[in-house]
Amino acid sequence: MEPQNAMNYVLLANMYTSRGKWEDVARARKLMREAEVKKEAGCSWVTMKDGVHVFVVGDKSHPEKDLVYEKLKELNQKMRDDGYVPQTKYALYYLDQENKSYHSERIAVAFVLTQNSRLPIMIMKNLRLCVDCHSAFKFI
């Protein structure tokens, strides 16, 4: 039903993922590509004095990306040193452990922390926050 609705493919892939059926996940994603449908990308944004900064998962397009990723690496190490354990049980797709830390909201937080701002931090998202990022923010 509704072969042009991306959410149907995403839900199917997520159901397979929850059972660890990675070959079926790959098949569902392939069907989605063949149908030429696109899902909405998850993104996070923060408003600073100079405007709005938008980030997507694994984003490398920001002009200050080197500084941001260095801060993200520093945050990840500090969290691990303080006892942070990644919450990967509910991940709905396979990623190696390093890439799980590059969700858009973590990139946005790392960016804000490089700005020497004294203002409260408010990160906005267009999708839900994953369990792992929620746990990580408690450490941050």
C-alpha atoms as a PDB file:
ATOM      1  CA  MET A   1       0.000   0.000   0.000  1.00  0.00           C
ATOM      2  CA  GLU A   2       1.170   3.533  -0.745  1.00  0.00           C
ATOM      3  CA  PRO A   3       4.424   2.582  -2.506  1.00  0.00           C
ATOM      4  CA  GLN A   4       5.475   6.261  -2.697  1.00  0.00           C
ATOM      5  CA  ASN A   5       5.206   6.790   1.071  1.00  0.00           C
ATOM      6  CA  ALA A   6       8.726   6.586   2.534  1.00  0.00           C
ATOM      7  CA  MET A   7       7.446   5.883   6.048  1.00  0.00           C
ATOM      8  CA  ASN A   8       6.116   2.473   4.986  1.00  0.00           C
ATOM      9  CA  TYR A   9       9.629   1.385   3.981  1.00  0.00           C
ATOM     10  CA  VAL A  10      11.145   2.914   7.115  1.00  0.00           C
ATOM     11  CA  LEU A  11       8.659   1.128   9.387  1.00  0.00           C
ATOM     12  CA  LEU A  12       9.308  -2.183   7.625  1.00  0.00           C
ATOM     13  CA  ALA A  13      13.075  -1.743   7.936  1.00  0.00           C
ATOM     14  CA  ASN A  14      12.683  -0.788  11.612  1.00  0.00           C
ATOM     15  CA  MET A  15      10.642  -3.918  12.322  1.00  0.00           C
ATOM     16  CA  TYR A  16      13.337  -6.079  10.733  1.00  0.00           C
ATOM     17  CA  THR A  17      16.024  -4.184  12.632  1.00  0.00           C
ATOM     18  CA  SER A  18      14.316  -4.769  15.969  1.00  0.00           C
ATOM     19  CA  ARG A  19      14.703  -8.497  15.283  1.00  0.00           C
ATOM     20  CA  GLY A  20      18.274  -8.234  13.992  1.00  0.00           C
ATOM     21  CA  LYS A  21      17.275  -9.301  10.476  1.00  0.00           C
ATOM     22  CA  TRP A  22      19.931  -7.232   8.689  1.00  0.00           C
ATOM     23  CA  GLU A  23      19.486  -8.879   5.270  1.00  0.00           C
ATOM     24  CA  ASP A  24      15.777  -8.036   5.343  1.00  0.00           C
ATOM     25  CA  VAL A  25      16.637  -4.484   6.428  1.00  0.00           C
ATOM     26  CA  ALA A  26      18.937  -4.155   3.416  1.00  0.00           C
ATOM     27  CA  ARG A  27      16.204  -5.513   1.133  1.00  0.00           C
ATOM     28  CA  ALA A  28      13.627  -3.030   2.491  1.00  0.00           C
ATOM     29  CA  ARG A  29      16.042  -0.132   1.999  1.00  0.00           C
ATOM     30  CA  LYS A  30      16.838  -1.338  -1.519  1.00  0.00           C
ATOM     31  CA  LEU A  31      13.121  -1.399  -2.345  1.00  0.00           C
ATOM     32  CA  MET A  32      12.873   2.153  -1.043  1.00  0.00           C
ATOM     33  CA  ARG A  33      15.726   3.280  -3.314  1.00  0.00           C
ATOM     34  CA  GLU A  34      14.192   1.487  -6.293  1.00  0.00           C
ATOM     35  CA  ALA A  35      10.855   3.223  -5.640  1.00  0.00           C
ATOM     36  CA  GLU A  36      12.824   6.504  -5.568  1.00  0.00           C
ATOM     37  CA  VAL A  37      11.209   7.702  -2.353  1.00  0.00           C
ATOM     38  CA  LYS A  38      13.063   9.722   0.242  1.00  0.00           C
ATOM     39  CA  LYS A  39      12.470  10.003   3.967  1.00  0.00           C
ATOM     40  CA  GLU A  40      12.845  13.276   5.811  1.00  0.00           C
ATOM     41  CA  ALA A  41      16.361  13.645   7.154  1.00  0.00           C
ATOM     42  CA  GLY A  42      16.744  14.052  10.887  1.00  0.00           C
ATOM     43  CA  CYS A  43      18.303  17.379  11.745  1.00  0.00           C
ATOM     44  CA  SER A  44      19.056  19.585  14.713  1.00  0.00           C
ATOM     45  CA  TRP A  45      19.506  23.328  14.816  1.00  0.00           C
ATOM     46  CA  VAL A  46      20.578  26.011  17.204  1.00  0.00           C
ATOM     47  CA  THR A  47      20.118  29.764  16.968  1.00  0.00           C
ATOM     48  CA  MET A  48      23.179  31.830  17.774  1.00  0.00           C
ATOM     49  CA  LYS A  49      23.834  35.584  17.496  1.00  0.00           C
ATOM     50  CA  ASP A  50      25.021  35.115  13.913  1.00  0.00           C
ATOM     51  CA  GLY A  51      21.993  33.076  12.809  1.00  0.00           C
ATOM     52  CA  VAL A  52      20.685  29.523  12.719  1.00  0.00           C
ATOM     53  CA  HIS A  53      23.122  26.622  12.437  1.00  0.00           C
ATOM     54  CA  VAL A  54      21.630  23.356  11.110  1.00  0.00           C
ATOM     55  CA  PHE A  55      23.227  19.916  11.455  1.00  0.00           C
ATOM     56  CA  VAL A  56      22.371  16.456  10.108  1.00  0.00           C
ATOM     57  CA  VAL A  57      23.805  13.097  11.176  1.00  0.00           C
ATOM     58  CA  GLY A  58      27.496  12.861  10.294  1.00  0.00           C
ATOM     59  CA  ASP A  59      27.426  16.466   9.034  1.00  0.00           C
ATOM     60  CA  LYS A  60      30.771  17.668   7.644  1.00  0.00           C
ATOM     61  CA  SER A  61      29.505  20.779   5.860  1.00  0.00           C
ATOM     62  CA  HIS A  62      29.806  23.333   8.663  1.00  0.00           C
ATOM     63  CA  PRO A  63      32.677  25.832   8.213  1.00  0.00           C
ATOM     64  CA  GLU A  64      33.906  25.036  11.746  1.00  0.00           C
ATOM     65  CA  LYS A  65      33.608  21.255  11.334  1.00  0.00           C
ATOM     66  CA  ASP A  66      37.194  20.504  12.402  1.00  0.00           C
ATOM     67  CA  LEU A  67      36.760  22.375  15.686  1.00  0.00           C
ATOM     68  CA  VAL A  68      33.304  20.864  16.235  1.00  0.00           C
ATOM     69  CA  TYR A  69      34.465  17.286  15.661  1.00  0.00           C
ATOM     70  CA  GLU A  70      37.482  17.810  17.908  1.00  0.00           C
ATOM     71  CA  LYS A  71      35.098  18.978  20.661  1.00  0.00           C
ATOM     72  CA  LEU A  72      32.832  15.991  19.990  1.00  0.00           C
ATOM     73  CA  LYS A  73      35.801  13.632  20.295  1.00  0.00           C
ATOM     74  CA  GLU A  74      36.768  15.337  23.583  1.00  0.00           C
ATOM     75  CA  LEU A  75      33.199  15.039  24.922  1.00  0.00           C
ATOM     76  CA  ASN A  76      33.028  11.351  23.974  1.00  0.00           C
ATOM     77  CA  GLN A  77      36.281  10.615  25.804  1.00  0.00           C
ATOM     78  CA  LYS A  78      35.228  12.546  28.921  1.00  0.00           C
ATOM     79  CA  MET A  79      31.878  10.731  28.988  1.00  0.00           C
ATOM     80  CA  ARG A  80      33.555   7.317  28.693  1.00  0.00           C
ATOM     81  CA  ASP A  81      35.994   8.280  31.449  1.00  0.00           C
ATOM     82  CA  ASP A  82      33.018   9.177  33.665  1.00  0.00           C
ATOM     83  CA  GLY A  83      31.297   5.822  33.077  1.00  0.00           C
ATOM     84  CA  TYR A  84      29.095   6.489  30.045  1.00  0.00           C
ATOM     85  CA  VAL A  85      28.060   3.283  28.286  1.00  0.00           C
ATOM     86  CA  PRO A  86      26.388   3.651  24.857  1.00  0.00           C
ATOM     87  CA  GLN A  87      22.732   2.606  24.828  1.00  0.00           C
ATOM     88  CA  THR A  88      22.628   0.692  21.536  1.00  0.00           C
ATOM     89  CA  LYS A  89      19.905  -1.837  22.347  1.00  0.00           C
ATOM     90  CA  TYR A  90      17.236   0.224  20.594  1.00  0.00           C
ATOM     91  CA  ALA A  91      19.276   1.411  17.605  1.00  0.00           C
ATOM     92  CA  LEU A  92      17.113   0.961  14.528  1.00  0.00           C
ATOM     93  CA  TYR A  93      19.983   0.536  12.101  1.00  0.00           C
ATOM     94  CA  TYR A  94      23.475  -0.869  12.181  1.00  0.00           C
ATOM     95  CA  LEU A  95      26.274   1.637  12.755  1.00  0.00           C
ATOM     96  CA  ASP A  96      29.752   1.038  14.041  1.00  0.00           C
ATOM     97  CA  GLN A  97      30.274   2.354  17.557  1.00  0.00           C
ATOM     98  CA  GLU A  98      32.190   5.479  16.475  1.00  0.00           C
ATOM     99  CA  ASN A  99      29.419   6.702  14.137  1.00  0.00           C
ATOM    100  CA  LYS A 100      26.731   6.416  16.813  1.00  0.00           C
ATOM    101  CA  SER A 101      28.217   9.493  18.449  1.00  0.00           C
ATOM    102  CA  TYR A 102      27.661  11.676  15.376  1.00  0.00           C
ATOM    103  CA  HIS A 103      23.928  12.220  15.643  1.00  0.00           C
ATOM    104  CA  SER A 104      22.882  15.722  14.660  1.00  0.00           C
ATOM    105  CA  GLU A 105      22.017  16.819  18.191  1.00  0.00           C
ATOM    106  CA  ARG A 106      25.471  15.849  19.490  1.00  0.00           C
ATOM    107  CA  ILE A 107      27.114  17.765  16.670  1.00  0.00           C
ATOM    108  CA  ALA A 108      24.958  20.774  17.555  1.00  0.00           C
ATOM    109  CA  VAL A 109      25.941  20.564  21.235  1.00  0.00           C
ATOM    110  CA  ALA A 110      29.628  20.277  20.331  1.00  0.00           C
ATOM    111  CA  PHE A 111      29.260  23.315  18.065  1.00  0.00           C
ATOM    112  CA  VAL A 112      27.637  25.413  20.808  1.00  0.00           C
ATOM    113  CA  LEU A 113      30.347  24.417  23.284  1.00  0.00           C
ATOM    114  CA  THR A 114      33.010  25.750  20.882  1.00  0.00           C
ATOM    115  CA  GLN A 115      31.358  29.193  20.796  1.00  0.00           C
ATOM    116  CA  ASN A 116      32.226  30.510  24.277  1.00  0.00           C
ATOM    117  CA  SER A 117      28.625  31.583  24.742  1.00  0.00           C
ATOM    118  CA  ARG A 118      27.186  32.231  28.196  1.00  0.00           C
ATOM    119  CA  LEU A 119      23.597  31.835  26.964  1.00  0.00           C
ATOM    120  CA  PRO A 120      21.497  28.762  27.822  1.00  0.00           C
ATOM    121  CA  ILE A 121      21.737  26.028  25.178  1.00  0.00           C
ATOM    122  CA  MET A 122      18.556  25.083  23.316  1.00  0.00           C
ATOM    123  CA  ILE A 123      18.922  22.461  20.606  1.00  0.00           C
ATOM    124  CA  MET A 124      15.863  21.930  18.399  1.00  0.00           C
ATOM    125  CA  LYS A 125      15.119  18.714  16.458  1.00  0.00           C
ATOM    126  CA  ASN A 126      12.675  17.679  13.788  1.00  0.00           C
ATOM    127  CA  LEU A 127      12.563  14.050  14.994  1.00  0.00           C
ATOM    128  CA  ARG A 128      12.693  12.286  18.353  1.00  0.00           C
ATOM    129  CA  LEU A 129      15.809  12.025  20.488  1.00  0.00           C
ATOM    130  CA  CYS A 130      17.258   8.508  20.633  1.00  0.00           C
ATOM    131  CA  VAL A 131      17.756   6.744  23.977  1.00  0.00           C
ATOM    132  CA  ASP A 132      21.550   6.854  23.594  1.00  0.00           C
ATOM    133  CA  CYS A 133      21.671  10.614  22.970  1.00  0.00           C
ATOM    134  CA  HIS A 134      19.381  11.169  25.968  1.00  0.00           C
ATOM    135  CA  SER A 135      21.799   9.184  28.108  1.00  0.00           C
ATOM    136  CA  ALA A 136      24.819  11.022  26.651  1.00  0.00           C
ATOM    137  CA  PHE A 137      23.283  14.452  27.377  1.00  0.00           C
ATOM    138  CA  LYS A 138      23.016  13.536  31.039  1.00  0.00           C
ATOM    139  CA  PHE A 139      26.806  13.108  31.050  1.00  0.00           C
ATOM    140  CA  ILE A 140      27.470  16.215  28.964  1.00  0.00           C
END
